[in-house]
Every structure is written in structure tokens, then in C-alpha cells.
């Protein structure tokens, strides 16, 4: 038969009290960590949304800059085509293909290396601006985009239609011959 020891019983009771005192504290720590985890996830979600918006705006700005570059290249090619007209009467091109391969003279002239795609539509579907809208001859003096995407940072007064926000289609790249004002 084992001898009864007061110190052993006392140690067991003390250990049981310690375990009970620690159990609620662990449970409250788990709730505290859960709240922190929720806050971290919320902040990460907000940051990702802001980053996505910024990325979209940067992509739009890059497309607008590329549209301006390509439009200016086509405008310059129209001017080159007009200046290279053999004979006395200057002509505007009838199509974009004529800017790439100008066969009017004895040698083929390339005013444009290739037909540029509209950066907003992804196609070479430029709207050709005729030389004279009242008397169409099939020749064009400029281009503009077909896309109806709102432009960034442009005042509403620049829109082609009053009361509407300006779109990338409102940007016109028109060659004006020297001396015609």
C-alpha cells in the first residue's frame, strides 16, 4: 500500500490550477491573432485593388501615347506622299496601302514602313478623313481612331460632341499642306 503524501497531492492540485489558468489565455490569444489576420487580409485586398487601378491607368496612358505616335507617323507619311507627287498637281493618298507602296513614279516609294494597327482596337481600321467632305474624291488627308474609349486628363471642352467626355476618336491626325493655312 502506498503512503499518502500531502506534498504530492498539493503538487497535482497546483498543476491543475495552472492548466486551467492558462487555457482561457490561449483561447483569447487565438481570437486576437484571428482579428490581426483579418486586418492583414483586408489591407492586402485594398492594396491589390489600388494596384490594379493604377496598372489600368498606366496601360491606358501607354495606349494613348502609342496612338499619338502612330497617328503622327501616318500624318507624316501623308505629307511625304503629297510632296512626292510627280508633276505639278499635288495629290493625297487614296488608301493606307498607297502610303506603304507608292507606285506613281518610276520607283516604288515607301512613305510608311507598314500600316500601323490602332492600339485601342488592335486592327488597322483607322477612320480616313477625306480631303473634302462635301466633294469626296476617295483621297484622305488624315486619320483618327475608331475606338470610343474616354481619354485621360482631357477637358470636356475638347470633345467633338458638346456635353460628352472626349474619346480617343476625337484625336485627329490631319496633314495640312504648307501655305494652305
N, C-alpha and C. Protein backbone atom coordinates (compact mmCIF):
# COMPACT_ATOMS: atom_id res chain seq x y z
N UNK A 1 0.82 -1.15 0.00
CA UNK A 1 0.00 0.00 0.00
C UNK A 1 0.89 1.24 0.00
N UNK A 2 0.52 2.19 -0.80
CA UNK A 2 1.33 3.39 -0.93
C UNK A 2 1.01 4.36 0.19
N UNK A 3 1.99 5.04 0.58
CA UNK A 3 1.80 6.01 1.65
C UNK A 3 1.22 7.29 1.06
N UNK A 4 0.33 7.87 1.81
CA UNK A 4 -0.31 9.12 1.38
C UNK A 4 0.64 10.27 1.63
N UNK A 5 0.85 11.10 0.59
CA UNK A 5 1.78 12.22 0.72
C UNK A 5 1.02 13.50 0.43
N UNK A 6 1.09 14.42 1.34
CA UNK A 6 0.43 15.70 1.15
C UNK A 6 1.13 16.54 0.09
N UNK A 7 2.39 16.43 0.00
CA UNK A 7 3.12 17.25 -0.97
C UNK A 7 2.78 16.81 -2.39
N UNK A 8 2.62 15.50 -2.63
CA UNK A 8 2.26 15.01 -3.98
C UNK A 8 0.88 15.49 -4.38
N UNK A 9 -0.09 15.42 -3.45
CA UNK A 9 -1.45 15.89 -3.74
C UNK A 9 -1.45 17.39 -3.98
N UNK A 10 -0.66 18.10 -3.22
CA UNK A 10 -0.56 19.54 -3.37
C UNK A 10 0.02 19.90 -4.75
N UNK A 11 1.04 19.17 -5.18
CA UNK A 11 1.65 19.41 -6.49
C UNK A 11 0.65 19.16 -7.62
N UNK A 12 -0.15 18.10 -7.50
CA UNK A 12 -1.15 17.80 -8.55
C UNK A 12 -2.21 18.89 -8.64
N UNK A 13 -2.69 19.38 -7.50
CA UNK A 13 -3.69 20.44 -7.48
C UNK A 13 -3.12 21.74 -8.07
N UNK A 14 -1.88 22.05 -7.69
CA UNK A 14 -1.25 23.25 -8.21
C UNK A 14 -1.10 23.16 -9.74
N UNK A 15 -0.72 22.01 -10.23
CA UNK A 15 -0.57 21.82 -11.69
C UNK A 15 -1.92 21.96 -12.40
N UNK A 16 -2.99 21.41 -11.79
CA UNK A 16 -4.32 21.52 -12.37
C UNK A 16 -4.76 22.98 -12.44
N UNK A 17 -4.49 23.78 -11.39
CA UNK A 17 -4.85 25.20 -11.40
C UNK A 17 -4.07 25.96 -12.48
N UNK A 18 -2.82 25.62 -12.62
CA UNK A 18 -2.01 26.26 -13.64
C UNK A 18 -2.58 25.99 -15.04
N UNK A 19 -2.95 24.75 -15.29
CA UNK A 19 -3.51 24.40 -16.59
C UNK A 19 -4.82 25.14 -16.85
N UNK A 20 -5.66 25.27 -15.84
CA UNK A 20 -6.94 25.96 -16.00
C UNK A 20 -6.72 27.46 -16.22
N UNK A 21 -5.72 28.04 -15.58
CA UNK A 21 -5.46 29.46 -15.73
C UNK A 21 -4.90 29.78 -17.12
N UNK A 22 -4.16 28.83 -17.67
CA UNK A 22 -3.55 29.06 -18.98
C UNK A 22 -4.53 28.81 -20.12
N UNK A 23 -5.49 27.95 -19.96
CA UNK A 23 -6.41 27.60 -21.04
C UNK A 23 -7.19 28.80 -21.56
N UNK A 24 -7.82 29.63 -20.74
CA UNK A 24 -8.54 30.78 -21.28
C UNK A 24 -7.60 31.77 -21.97
N UNK A 25 -6.37 31.91 -21.49
CA UNK A 25 -5.45 32.85 -22.09
C UNK A 25 -5.08 32.40 -23.51
N UNK A 26 -4.87 31.13 -23.74
CA UNK A 26 -4.58 30.63 -25.07
C UNK A 26 -5.76 30.87 -26.00
N UNK A 27 -6.97 30.69 -25.51
CA UNK A 27 -8.16 30.90 -26.32
C UNK A 27 -8.28 32.37 -26.72
N UNK A 28 -8.02 33.30 -25.82
CA UNK A 28 -8.12 34.72 -26.15
C UNK A 28 -6.99 35.13 -27.11
N UNK A 29 -5.82 34.53 -27.01
CA UNK A 29 -4.74 34.82 -27.94
C UNK A 29 -5.11 34.37 -29.34
N UNK A 30 -5.78 33.24 -29.46
CA UNK A 30 -6.19 32.75 -30.78
C UNK A 30 -7.19 33.73 -31.41
N UNK A 31 -8.08 34.31 -30.66
CA UNK A 31 -9.02 35.29 -31.18
C UNK A 31 -8.33 36.57 -31.60
N UNK A 32 -7.34 36.97 -30.83
CA UNK A 32 -6.56 38.16 -31.15
C UNK A 32 -5.80 37.95 -32.46
N UNK A 33 -5.19 36.81 -32.64
CA UNK A 33 -4.46 36.51 -33.88
C UNK A 33 -5.42 36.45 -35.07
N UNK A 34 -6.62 35.94 -34.85
CA UNK A 34 -7.61 35.87 -35.91
C UNK A 34 -8.01 37.27 -36.38
N UNK A 35 -8.19 38.20 -35.44
CA UNK A 35 -8.52 39.58 -35.79
C UNK A 35 -7.38 40.20 -36.60
N UNK A 36 -6.14 40.00 -36.16
CA UNK A 36 -4.99 40.53 -36.90
C UNK A 36 -4.92 39.94 -38.30
N UNK A 37 -5.19 38.66 -38.42
CA UNK A 37 -5.18 38.02 -39.73
C UNK A 37 -6.24 38.64 -40.65
N UNK A 38 -7.42 38.91 -40.12
CA UNK A 38 -8.47 39.57 -40.91
C UNK A 38 -8.05 40.96 -41.35
N UNK A 39 -7.40 41.72 -40.46
CA UNK A 39 -6.93 43.06 -40.81
C UNK A 39 -5.88 42.99 -41.91
N UNK A 40 -4.97 42.07 -41.80
CA UNK A 40 -3.91 41.92 -42.81
C UNK A 40 -4.50 41.55 -44.17
N UNK A 41 -5.47 40.65 -44.18
CA UNK A 41 -6.11 40.26 -45.44
C UNK A 41 -6.87 41.44 -46.04
N UNK A 42 -7.54 42.23 -45.22
CA UNK A 42 -8.28 43.40 -45.72
C UNK A 42 -7.33 44.42 -46.32
N UNK A 43 -6.22 44.70 -45.65
CA UNK A 43 -5.23 45.66 -46.16
C UNK A 43 -4.63 45.15 -47.47
N UNK A 44 -4.33 43.86 -47.53
CA UNK A 44 -3.78 43.29 -48.76
C UNK A 44 -4.78 43.39 -49.91
N UNK A 45 -6.06 43.19 -49.65
CA UNK A 45 -7.09 43.32 -50.68
C UNK A 45 -7.22 44.74 -51.19
N UNK A 46 -7.19 45.70 -50.28
CA UNK A 46 -7.28 47.11 -50.67
C UNK A 46 -6.05 47.50 -51.50
N UNK A 47 -4.88 47.04 -51.08
CA UNK A 47 -3.65 47.34 -51.82
C UNK A 47 -3.70 46.74 -53.22
N UNK A 48 -4.19 45.52 -53.34
CA UNK A 48 -4.28 44.88 -54.65
C UNK A 48 -5.26 45.62 -55.56
N UNK A 49 -6.36 46.10 -55.00
CA UNK A 49 -7.33 46.86 -55.80
C UNK A 49 -6.72 48.16 -56.30
N UNK A 50 -6.00 48.86 -55.42
CA UNK A 50 -5.35 50.12 -55.82
C UNK A 50 -4.28 49.86 -56.87
N UNK A 51 -3.53 48.79 -56.73
CA UNK A 51 -2.50 48.44 -57.69
C UNK A 51 -3.13 48.11 -59.05
N UNK A 52 -4.24 47.40 -59.05
CA UNK A 52 -4.93 47.07 -60.30
C UNK A 52 -5.43 48.31 -61.01
N UNK A 53 -5.96 49.27 -60.26
CA UNK A 53 -6.45 50.51 -60.86
C UNK A 53 -5.28 51.31 -61.45
N UNK A 54 -4.20 51.37 -60.72
CA UNK A 54 -3.02 52.10 -61.21
C UNK A 54 -2.47 51.43 -62.48
N UNK A 55 -2.45 50.11 -62.51
CA UNK A 55 -1.97 49.39 -63.68
C UNK A 55 -2.86 49.68 -64.89
N UNK A 56 -4.16 49.72 -64.68
CA UNK A 56 -5.09 50.01 -65.77
C UNK A 56 -4.87 51.43 -66.31
N UNK A 57 -4.68 52.39 -65.43
CA UNK A 57 -4.43 53.76 -65.86
C UNK A 57 -3.12 53.88 -66.63
N UNK A 58 -2.09 53.18 -66.17
CA UNK A 58 -0.81 53.21 -66.89
C UNK A 58 -0.94 52.57 -68.27
N UNK A 59 -1.68 51.48 -68.36
CA UNK A 59 -1.89 50.83 -69.66
C UNK A 59 -2.64 51.77 -70.61
N UNK A 60 -3.63 52.50 -70.09
CA UNK A 60 -4.39 53.46 -70.90
C UNK A 60 -3.47 54.57 -71.39
N UNK A 61 -2.62 55.09 -70.50
CA UNK A 61 -1.69 56.16 -70.90
C UNK A 61 -0.73 55.69 -71.98
N UNK A 62 -0.24 54.46 -71.84
CA UNK A 62 0.67 53.92 -72.85
C UNK A 62 -0.03 53.77 -74.20
N UNK A 63 -1.27 53.33 -74.18
CA UNK A 63 -2.01 53.20 -75.44
C UNK A 63 -2.25 54.57 -76.08
N UNK A 64 -2.57 55.58 -75.25
CA UNK A 64 -2.77 56.92 -75.80
C UNK A 64 -1.48 57.47 -76.40
N UNK A 65 -0.36 57.25 -75.73
CA UNK A 65 0.93 57.71 -76.26
C UNK A 65 1.25 56.98 -77.57
N UNK A 66 0.96 55.69 -77.63
CA UNK A 66 1.22 54.93 -78.85
C UNK A 66 0.28 55.39 -79.97
N UNK A 67 -0.96 55.72 -79.64
CA UNK A 67 -1.89 56.25 -80.64
C UNK A 67 -1.36 57.56 -81.23
N UNK A 68 -0.88 58.43 -80.36
CA UNK A 68 -0.32 59.71 -80.84
C UNK A 68 0.90 59.47 -81.75
N UNK A 69 1.77 58.56 -81.35
CA UNK A 69 2.96 58.26 -82.16
C UNK A 69 2.54 57.73 -83.53
N UNK A 70 1.67 56.73 -83.54
CA UNK A 70 1.27 56.12 -84.81
C UNK A 70 0.50 57.11 -85.68
N UNK A 71 -0.35 57.93 -85.07
CA UNK A 71 -1.08 58.94 -85.83
C UNK A 71 -0.15 59.95 -86.47
N UNK A 72 0.88 60.37 -85.73
CA UNK A 72 1.86 61.31 -86.27
C UNK A 72 2.67 60.68 -87.40
N UNK A 73 2.96 59.39 -87.29
CA UNK A 73 3.69 58.70 -88.36
C UNK A 73 2.85 58.67 -89.64
N UNK A 74 1.57 58.37 -89.50
CA UNK A 74 0.68 58.34 -90.68
C UNK A 74 0.53 59.74 -91.25
N UNK A 75 0.39 60.73 -90.39
CA UNK A 75 0.28 62.13 -90.84
C UNK A 75 1.54 62.54 -91.62
N UNK A 76 2.71 62.18 -91.11
CA UNK A 76 3.96 62.48 -91.81
C UNK A 76 4.05 61.75 -93.14
N UNK A 77 3.56 60.53 -93.19
CA UNK A 77 3.58 59.76 -94.44
C UNK A 77 2.64 60.38 -95.47
N UNK A 78 1.51 60.91 -95.02
CA UNK A 78 0.59 61.60 -95.95
C UNK A 78 1.29 62.83 -96.53
N UNK A 79 2.00 63.57 -95.69
CA UNK A 79 2.76 64.73 -96.17
C UNK A 79 3.84 64.35 -97.15
N UNK A 80 4.52 63.25 -96.87
CA UNK A 80 5.56 62.77 -97.78
C UNK A 80 4.96 62.33 -99.12
N UNK A 81 3.82 61.66 -99.07
CA UNK A 81 3.12 61.24 -100.29
C UNK A 81 2.72 62.47 -101.11
N UNK A 82 2.17 63.46 -100.43
CA UNK A 82 1.72 64.69 -101.09
C UNK A 82 2.91 65.40 -101.76
N UNK A 83 4.04 65.48 -101.04
CA UNK A 83 5.21 66.18 -101.57
C UNK A 83 5.88 65.42 -102.70
N UNK A 84 5.74 64.09 -102.72
CA UNK A 84 6.41 63.27 -103.73
C UNK A 84 5.56 63.07 -104.97
N UNK A 85 4.47 63.78 -105.10
CA UNK A 85 3.60 63.63 -106.26
C UNK A 85 4.36 64.06 -107.52
N UNK A 86 4.47 63.17 -108.50
CA UNK A 86 5.15 63.59 -109.73
C UNK A 86 4.28 64.56 -110.52
N UNK A 87 4.92 65.50 -111.18
CA UNK A 87 4.17 66.50 -111.94
C UNK A 87 3.83 67.69 -111.06
N UNK A 88 2.91 68.50 -111.54
CA UNK A 88 2.59 69.74 -110.83
C UNK A 88 1.47 69.62 -109.82
N UNK A 89 0.46 68.85 -110.10
CA UNK A 89 -0.72 68.78 -109.23
C UNK A 89 -0.46 67.82 -108.07
N UNK A 90 -0.48 68.33 -106.85
CA UNK A 90 -0.26 67.50 -105.66
C UNK A 90 -1.50 66.66 -105.38
N UNK A 91 -1.25 65.44 -104.91
CA UNK A 91 -2.35 64.52 -104.62
C UNK A 91 -2.20 63.97 -103.20
N UNK A 92 -3.35 63.68 -102.63
CA UNK A 92 -3.38 62.97 -101.36
C UNK A 92 -3.57 61.49 -101.65
N UNK A 93 -3.19 60.60 -100.73
CA UNK A 93 -3.32 59.16 -100.98
C UNK A 93 -4.77 58.69 -100.96
N UNK A 94 -5.10 57.70 -101.81
CA UNK A 94 -6.45 57.14 -101.78
C UNK A 94 -6.64 56.06 -100.71
N UNK A 95 -5.53 55.47 -100.21
CA UNK A 95 -5.65 54.41 -99.20
C UNK A 95 -4.37 54.35 -98.36
N UNK A 96 -4.43 53.68 -97.25
CA UNK A 96 -3.25 53.49 -96.42
C UNK A 96 -2.20 52.64 -97.13
N UNK A 97 -2.64 51.70 -97.95
CA UNK A 97 -1.72 50.84 -98.69
C UNK A 97 -0.84 51.66 -99.63
N UNK A 98 -1.38 52.76 -100.17
CA UNK A 98 -0.59 53.62 -101.06
C UNK A 98 0.52 54.35 -100.31
N UNK A 99 0.41 54.47 -99.00
CA UNK A 99 1.48 55.07 -98.22
C UNK A 99 2.64 54.08 -98.04
N UNK A 100 2.33 52.81 -98.05
CA UNK A 100 3.36 51.77 -97.89
C UNK A 100 4.07 51.54 -99.23
N UNK A 101 3.33 51.45 -100.31
CA UNK A 101 3.89 51.21 -101.64
C UNK A 101 3.33 52.25 -102.61
N UNK A 102 4.07 53.32 -102.79
CA UNK A 102 3.68 54.38 -103.71
C UNK A 102 4.27 54.05 -105.08
N UNK A 103 3.41 53.63 -106.00
CA UNK A 103 3.87 53.20 -107.34
C UNK A 103 3.59 54.26 -108.41
N UNK A 104 3.42 55.50 -108.03
CA UNK A 104 3.10 56.54 -109.01
C UNK A 104 4.30 56.93 -109.87
N UNK A 105 5.50 56.78 -109.38
CA UNK A 105 6.69 57.19 -110.12
C UNK A 105 7.42 55.98 -110.70
N UNK A 106 8.61 56.22 -111.23
CA UNK A 106 9.38 55.13 -111.82
C UNK A 106 9.87 54.13 -110.76
N UNK A 107 10.02 54.58 -109.51
CA UNK A 107 10.47 53.71 -108.43
C UNK A 107 9.42 53.67 -107.33
N UNK A 108 9.30 52.53 -106.69
CA UNK A 108 8.36 52.39 -105.58
C UNK A 108 8.93 53.17 -104.38
N UNK A 109 8.10 54.00 -103.79
CA UNK A 109 8.50 54.79 -102.62
C UNK A 109 7.68 54.30 -101.42
N UNK A 110 8.39 54.14 -100.30
CA UNK A 110 7.73 53.70 -99.06
C UNK A 110 7.66 54.89 -98.10
N UNK A 111 6.52 55.54 -98.06
CA UNK A 111 6.33 56.68 -97.15
C UNK A 111 6.09 56.19 -95.73
N UNK A 112 5.59 54.99 -95.62
CA UNK A 112 5.29 54.37 -94.33
C UNK A 112 5.83 52.95 -94.40
N UNK A 113 6.50 52.49 -93.39
CA UNK A 113 7.10 51.15 -93.42
C UNK A 113 6.04 50.05 -93.43
N UNK A 114 4.98 50.31 -92.68
CA UNK A 114 3.87 49.34 -92.60
C UNK A 114 2.64 50.09 -92.16
N UNK A 115 1.50 49.48 -92.34
CA UNK A 115 0.26 50.09 -91.86
C UNK A 115 0.16 49.78 -90.37
N UNK A 116 0.15 50.82 -89.58
CA UNK A 116 0.09 50.65 -88.13
C UNK A 116 -1.31 50.23 -87.69
N UNK A 117 -1.33 49.38 -86.65
CA UNK A 117 -2.60 48.99 -86.04
C UNK A 117 -3.00 50.06 -85.03
N UNK A 118 -4.28 50.27 -84.92
CA UNK A 118 -4.80 51.17 -83.89
C UNK A 118 -4.55 50.49 -82.54
N UNK A 119 -3.84 51.12 -81.60
CA UNK A 119 -3.53 50.45 -80.34
C UNK A 119 -4.75 50.14 -79.48
N UNK A 120 -5.86 50.82 -79.72
CA UNK A 120 -7.07 50.56 -78.93
C UNK A 120 -7.92 49.44 -79.51
N UNK A 121 -7.97 49.33 -80.82
CA UNK A 121 -8.79 48.27 -81.42
C UNK A 121 -7.96 47.04 -81.79
N UNK A 122 -6.67 47.24 -82.02
CA UNK A 122 -5.82 46.11 -82.41
C UNK A 122 -5.89 45.80 -83.89
N UNK A 123 -6.58 46.64 -84.66
CA UNK A 123 -6.73 46.43 -86.10
C UNK A 123 -6.31 47.69 -86.86
N UNK A 124 -6.06 47.56 -88.13
CA UNK A 124 -5.75 48.71 -88.98
C UNK A 124 -7.06 49.28 -89.52
N UNK A 125 -7.95 49.61 -88.63
CA UNK A 125 -9.29 50.06 -89.01
C UNK A 125 -9.45 51.56 -88.76
N UNK A 126 -8.45 52.33 -89.14
CA UNK A 126 -8.49 53.77 -88.95
C UNK A 126 -9.64 54.38 -89.73
N UNK A 127 -10.20 55.45 -89.20
CA UNK A 127 -11.19 56.23 -89.95
C UNK A 127 -10.41 57.22 -90.79
N UNK A 128 -10.59 57.16 -92.10
CA UNK A 128 -9.89 58.06 -93.00
C UNK A 128 -10.66 59.37 -93.12
N UNK A 129 -9.98 60.48 -92.94
CA UNK A 129 -10.61 61.81 -93.00
C UNK A 129 -10.45 62.31 -94.44
N UNK A 130 -11.55 62.49 -95.16
CA UNK A 130 -11.44 62.87 -96.58
C UNK A 130 -10.88 64.29 -96.76
N UNK A 131 -10.32 64.52 -97.94
CA UNK A 131 -9.77 65.84 -98.25
C UNK A 131 -10.89 66.88 -98.24
N UNK A 132 -12.00 66.54 -98.87
CA UNK A 132 -13.15 67.45 -98.92
C UNK A 132 -14.39 66.62 -98.63
N UNK A 133 -14.98 66.82 -97.45
CA UNK A 133 -16.15 66.03 -97.07
C UNK A 133 -17.34 66.32 -97.98
N UNK A 134 -17.44 67.54 -98.50
CA UNK A 134 -18.57 67.91 -99.36
C UNK A 134 -18.41 67.30 -100.76
N UNK A 135 -17.18 67.12 -101.20
CA UNK A 135 -16.91 66.59 -102.54
C UNK A 135 -15.91 65.44 -102.43
N UNK A 136 -16.35 64.24 -102.00
CA UNK A 136 -15.42 63.14 -101.79
C UNK A 136 -14.76 62.67 -103.09
N UNK A 137 -13.43 62.60 -103.04
CA UNK A 137 -12.66 62.15 -104.21
C UNK A 137 -12.03 60.79 -103.97
N UNK A 138 -12.18 60.26 -102.78
CA UNK A 138 -11.54 58.99 -102.44
C UNK A 138 -10.18 59.19 -101.80
N UNK A 139 -9.70 60.42 -101.79
CA UNK A 139 -8.42 60.71 -101.16
C UNK A 139 -8.65 61.14 -99.72
N UNK A 140 -7.63 60.91 -98.89
CA UNK A 140 -7.77 61.31 -97.49
C UNK A 140 -6.58 62.14 -97.06
N UNK A 141 -6.81 62.99 -96.06
CA UNK A 141 -5.77 63.89 -95.57
C UNK A 141 -5.40 63.63 -94.12
N UNK A 142 -6.05 62.67 -93.49
CA UNK A 142 -5.75 62.36 -92.09
C UNK A 142 -6.47 61.12 -91.63
N UNK A 143 -6.19 60.74 -90.40
CA UNK A 143 -6.80 59.56 -89.80
C UNK A 143 -7.21 59.87 -88.36
N UNK A 144 -8.09 59.03 -87.84
CA UNK A 144 -8.43 59.05 -86.43
C UNK A 144 -8.82 57.65 -86.01
N UNK A 145 -8.81 57.40 -84.73
CA UNK A 145 -9.12 56.06 -84.21
C UNK A 145 -10.61 55.79 -84.28
N UNK A 146 -10.94 54.54 -84.37
CA UNK A 146 -12.34 54.12 -84.37
C UNK A 146 -12.85 53.87 -82.94
N UNK A 147 -11.94 53.76 -81.99
CA UNK A 147 -12.30 53.42 -80.60
C UNK A 147 -13.02 54.58 -79.92
N UNK A 148 -13.97 54.25 -79.08
CA UNK A 148 -14.74 55.26 -78.33
C UNK A 148 -14.37 55.20 -76.84
N UNK A 149 -13.09 55.04 -76.55
CA UNK A 149 -12.60 54.95 -75.18
C UNK A 149 -12.36 56.36 -74.65
N UNK A 150 -12.85 56.70 -73.45
CA UNK A 150 -12.61 58.04 -72.91
C UNK A 150 -11.11 58.30 -72.71
N UNK A 151 -10.71 59.53 -73.00
CA UNK A 151 -9.31 59.91 -72.84
C UNK A 151 -9.05 60.33 -71.40
N UNK A 152 -7.83 60.17 -70.96
CA UNK A 152 -7.44 60.56 -69.62
C UNK A 152 -6.95 62.00 -69.61
N UNK A 153 -7.37 62.77 -68.63
CA UNK A 153 -6.83 64.10 -68.41
C UNK A 153 -7.13 65.13 -69.47
N UNK A 154 -8.17 64.94 -70.25
CA UNK A 154 -8.54 65.90 -71.29
C UNK A 154 -9.84 66.57 -70.87
N UNK A 155 -9.92 67.90 -70.92
CA UNK A 155 -11.17 68.57 -70.51
C UNK A 155 -12.32 68.27 -71.46
N UNK A 156 -13.52 68.36 -70.95
CA UNK A 156 -14.71 68.07 -71.74
C UNK A 156 -14.86 69.02 -72.92
N UNK A 157 -14.24 70.20 -72.86
CA UNK A 157 -14.35 71.15 -73.97
C UNK A 157 -13.65 70.64 -75.23
N UNK A 158 -12.78 69.63 -75.09
CA UNK A 158 -12.07 69.09 -76.24
C UNK A 158 -12.89 68.03 -76.99
N UNK A 159 -14.04 67.67 -76.48
CA UNK A 159 -14.85 66.63 -77.10
C UNK A 159 -15.45 67.14 -78.41
N UNK A 160 -15.65 66.21 -79.34
CA UNK A 160 -16.24 66.58 -80.63
C UNK A 160 -17.74 66.86 -80.48
N UNK A 161 -18.39 66.22 -79.51
CA UNK A 161 -19.80 66.45 -79.25
C UNK A 161 -19.95 67.16 -77.91
N UNK A 162 -20.63 68.31 -77.88
CA UNK A 162 -20.78 69.04 -76.62
C UNK A 162 -21.50 68.20 -75.58
N UNK A 163 -21.05 68.31 -74.35
CA UNK A 163 -21.69 67.60 -73.25
C UNK A 163 -21.19 66.17 -73.08
N UNK A 164 -20.26 65.73 -73.89
CA UNK A 164 -19.72 64.39 -73.77
C UNK A 164 -18.24 64.46 -73.43
N UNK A 165 -17.76 63.43 -72.78
CA UNK A 165 -16.33 63.36 -72.48
C UNK A 165 -15.57 63.07 -73.76
N UNK A 166 -14.38 63.63 -73.91
CA UNK A 166 -13.60 63.36 -75.13
C UNK A 166 -13.14 61.91 -75.17
N UNK A 167 -13.12 61.36 -76.36
CA UNK A 167 -12.67 59.98 -76.55
C UNK A 167 -11.42 60.00 -77.43
N UNK A 168 -10.77 58.84 -77.53
CA UNK A 168 -9.57 58.78 -78.37
C UNK A 168 -9.93 58.99 -79.84
N UNK A 169 -11.17 58.80 -80.20
CA UNK A 169 -11.61 59.04 -81.58
C UNK A 169 -11.63 60.53 -81.91
N UNK A 170 -11.63 61.38 -80.89
CA UNK A 170 -11.62 62.82 -81.12
C UNK A 170 -10.25 63.33 -81.55
N UNK A 171 -9.21 62.52 -81.34
CA UNK A 171 -7.86 62.91 -81.79
C UNK A 171 -7.76 62.69 -83.29
N UNK A 172 -7.55 63.76 -84.03
CA UNK A 172 -7.41 63.66 -85.48
C UNK A 172 -5.99 64.01 -85.87
N UNK A 173 -5.41 63.21 -86.75
CA UNK A 173 -4.06 63.43 -87.24
C UNK A 173 -4.18 63.82 -88.71
N UNK A 174 -4.21 65.13 -88.97
CA UNK A 174 -4.51 65.67 -90.30
C UNK A 174 -3.28 66.39 -90.85
N UNK A 175 -2.91 66.03 -92.08
CA UNK A 175 -1.84 66.75 -92.77
C UNK A 175 -2.43 67.98 -93.46
N UNK A 176 -1.83 69.13 -93.17
CA UNK A 176 -2.22 70.38 -93.82
C UNK A 176 -1.05 70.82 -94.68
N UNK A 177 -1.27 70.92 -96.01
CA UNK A 177 -0.17 71.33 -96.89
C UNK A 177 0.35 72.73 -96.53
N UNK A 178 1.64 72.96 -96.72
CA UNK A 178 2.19 74.28 -96.41
C UNK A 178 1.53 75.35 -97.26
N UNK A 179 1.23 76.46 -96.63
CA UNK A 179 0.63 77.59 -97.33
C UNK A 179 -0.88 77.52 -97.47
N UNK A 180 -1.51 76.43 -97.00
CA UNK A 180 -2.97 76.35 -97.13
C UNK A 180 -3.65 76.73 -95.81
N UNK A 181 -2.87 77.07 -94.79
CA UNK A 181 -3.43 77.59 -93.54
C UNK A 181 -3.98 76.55 -92.73
